C-alpha cells in the first residue's frame, strides 16, 4: 500500500511539472508574438508539441523499462534460458521513443 502512495505522488508531481512547462511555453510564445517578433503562435506551439512528443515518450519508456527490466532479471535468475526473451521485452518500449522522434521531426518540418 505504501508503494502505491509513492507512485501516485510521483505521477502527480510529473503531471504538474508538465502542465507548468506547457503553460510557460505558451506564455513565452504569446509574449514573443506580442512584442512583434517574427515567430508565429503556430510555430511556437509546434515546437512545444515536438518537445512533449519526445519528453513524454521518453518518460513512458523509462517507466515501462524499469518494470520490464526488473521482471526480466528475476526471470533470468530463475532460468537462464529466459535471458533472450527478457532482452527482447526490454527493447520493445524503445520503439515508443522512436515514434516520439518521428513525430517531433514531422512537427518541426512544418515550422
Protein backbone atom coordinates (compact mmCIF):
# COMPACT_ATOMS: atom_id res chain seq x y z
CA UNK A 1 0.00 0.00 0.00
CA UNK A 2 2.87 2.36 0.78
CA UNK A 3 4.38 1.74 -2.65
CA UNK A 4 1.11 2.73 -4.35
CA UNK A 5 1.10 6.01 -2.40
CA UNK A 6 4.63 6.81 -3.56
CA UNK A 7 3.77 6.07 -7.19
CA UNK A 8 0.73 8.35 -7.08
CA UNK A 9 2.77 11.20 -5.64
CA UNK A 10 5.42 10.78 -8.32
CA UNK A 11 2.80 10.76 -11.08
CA UNK A 12 1.07 13.82 -9.66
CA UNK A 13 4.35 15.76 -9.48
CA UNK A 14 5.22 14.77 -13.04
CA UNK A 15 1.85 15.87 -14.38
CA UNK A 16 2.01 19.20 -12.57
CA UNK A 17 5.53 19.84 -13.86
CA UNK A 18 4.43 19.01 -17.41
CA UNK A 19 1.46 21.34 -17.13
CA UNK A 20 3.65 24.17 -15.84
CA UNK A 21 6.08 23.68 -18.73
CA UNK A 22 3.31 23.71 -21.33
CA UNK A 23 1.69 26.82 -19.87
CA UNK A 24 5.05 28.54 -19.53
CA UNK A 25 5.94 27.71 -23.12
CA UNK A 26 2.62 29.06 -24.32
CA UNK A 27 3.18 32.28 -22.38
CA UNK A 28 6.64 32.66 -23.92
CA UNK A 29 5.21 32.22 -27.40
CA UNK A 30 2.45 34.70 -26.66
CA UNK A 31 4.96 37.22 -25.32
CA UNK A 32 7.21 36.83 -28.34
CA UNK A 33 4.36 37.44 -30.78
CA UNK A 34 3.08 40.39 -28.73
CA UNK A 35 6.48 42.09 -29.00
CA UNK A 36 6.38 41.91 -32.76
CA UNK A 37 8.89 39.14 -33.41
CA UNK A 38 8.64 37.01 -36.50
CA UNK A 39 7.68 33.86 -34.54
CA UNK A 40 4.05 32.92 -35.04
CA UNK A 41 1.84 31.24 -32.46
CA UNK A 42 1.68 28.14 -34.62
CA UNK A 43 5.47 27.74 -34.79
CA UNK A 44 5.83 28.04 -31.04
CA UNK A 45 3.09 25.53 -30.35
CA UNK A 46 4.60 23.13 -32.88
CA UNK A 47 7.93 23.37 -31.03
CA UNK A 48 6.17 22.71 -27.71
CA UNK A 49 4.40 19.73 -29.27
CA UNK A 50 7.69 18.34 -30.58
CA UNK A 51 9.28 18.67 -27.16
CA UNK A 52 6.34 16.99 -25.50
CA UNK A 53 6.41 14.17 -28.05
CA UNK A 54 10.00 13.30 -27.22
CA UNK A 55 9.81 14.05 -23.50
CA UNK A 56 6.64 12.15 -22.72
CA UNK A 57 7.67 9.24 -24.95
CA UNK A 58 10.95 9.03 -23.06
CA UNK A 59 9.18 9.23 -19.72
CA UNK A 60 6.78 6.44 -20.65
CA UNK A 61 9.63 4.31 -21.94
CA UNK A 62 11.60 4.75 -18.74
CA UNK A 63 8.67 3.73 -16.59
CA UNK A 64 7.97 0.69 -18.77
CA UNK A 65 11.60 -0.42 -18.91
CA UNK A 66 12.02 -0.20 -15.16
CA UNK A 67 9.22 -2.70 -14.63
CA UNK A 68 10.18 -4.94 -17.55
CA UNK A 69 13.87 -4.94 -16.62
CA UNK A 70 13.16 -5.98 -13.05
CA UNK A 71 10.91 -8.80 -14.22
CA UNK A 72 13.50 -9.86 -16.82
CA UNK A 73 16.26 -10.08 -14.23
CA UNK A 74 14.01 -12.15 -11.98
CA UNK A 75 13.09 -14.50 -14.82
CA UNK A 76 16.73 -14.87 -15.82
CA UNK A 77 17.71 -15.64 -12.24
CA UNK A 78 15.21 -18.49 -12.18
CA UNK A 79 16.07 -19.89 -15.60
CA UNK A 80 18.97 -18.75 -17.81
CA UNK A 81 17.02 -19.64 -20.95
CA UNK A 82 14.75 -16.64 -20.33
CA UNK A 83 17.59 -14.16 -20.98
CA UNK A 84 16.86 -13.79 -24.71
CA UNK A 85 13.17 -13.20 -24.09
CA UNK A 86 13.99 -10.63 -21.42
CA UNK A 87 16.25 -8.69 -23.80
CA UNK A 88 13.51 -8.61 -26.44
CA UNK A 89 10.94 -7.35 -23.95
CA UNK A 90 13.31 -4.68 -22.64
CA UNK A 91 13.92 -3.45 -26.21
CA UNK A 92 10.20 -3.18 -27.10
CA UNK A 93 9.50 0.10 -25.25
CA UNK A 94 12.34 1.78 -27.15
CA UNK A 95 10.10 1.86 -30.20
CA UNK A 96 7.90 4.35 -28.36
CA UNK A 97 10.81 6.81 -28.19
CA UNK A 98 11.49 6.28 -31.89
CA UNK A 99 7.86 7.15 -32.62
CA UNK A 100 8.29 10.26 -30.47
CA UNK A 101 11.33 11.30 -32.54
CA UNK A 102 9.45 10.71 -35.79
CA UNK A 103 6.52 12.81 -34.60
CA UNK A 104 8.87 15.56 -33.42
CA UNK A 105 10.68 15.65 -36.78
CA UNK A 106 7.37 15.76 -38.63
CA UNK A 107 6.16 18.63 -36.46
CA UNK A 108 9.41 20.57 -36.75
CA UNK A 109 9.34 20.15 -40.54
CA UNK A 110 6.14 22.26 -40.60
CA UNK A 111 7.75 25.31 -38.98
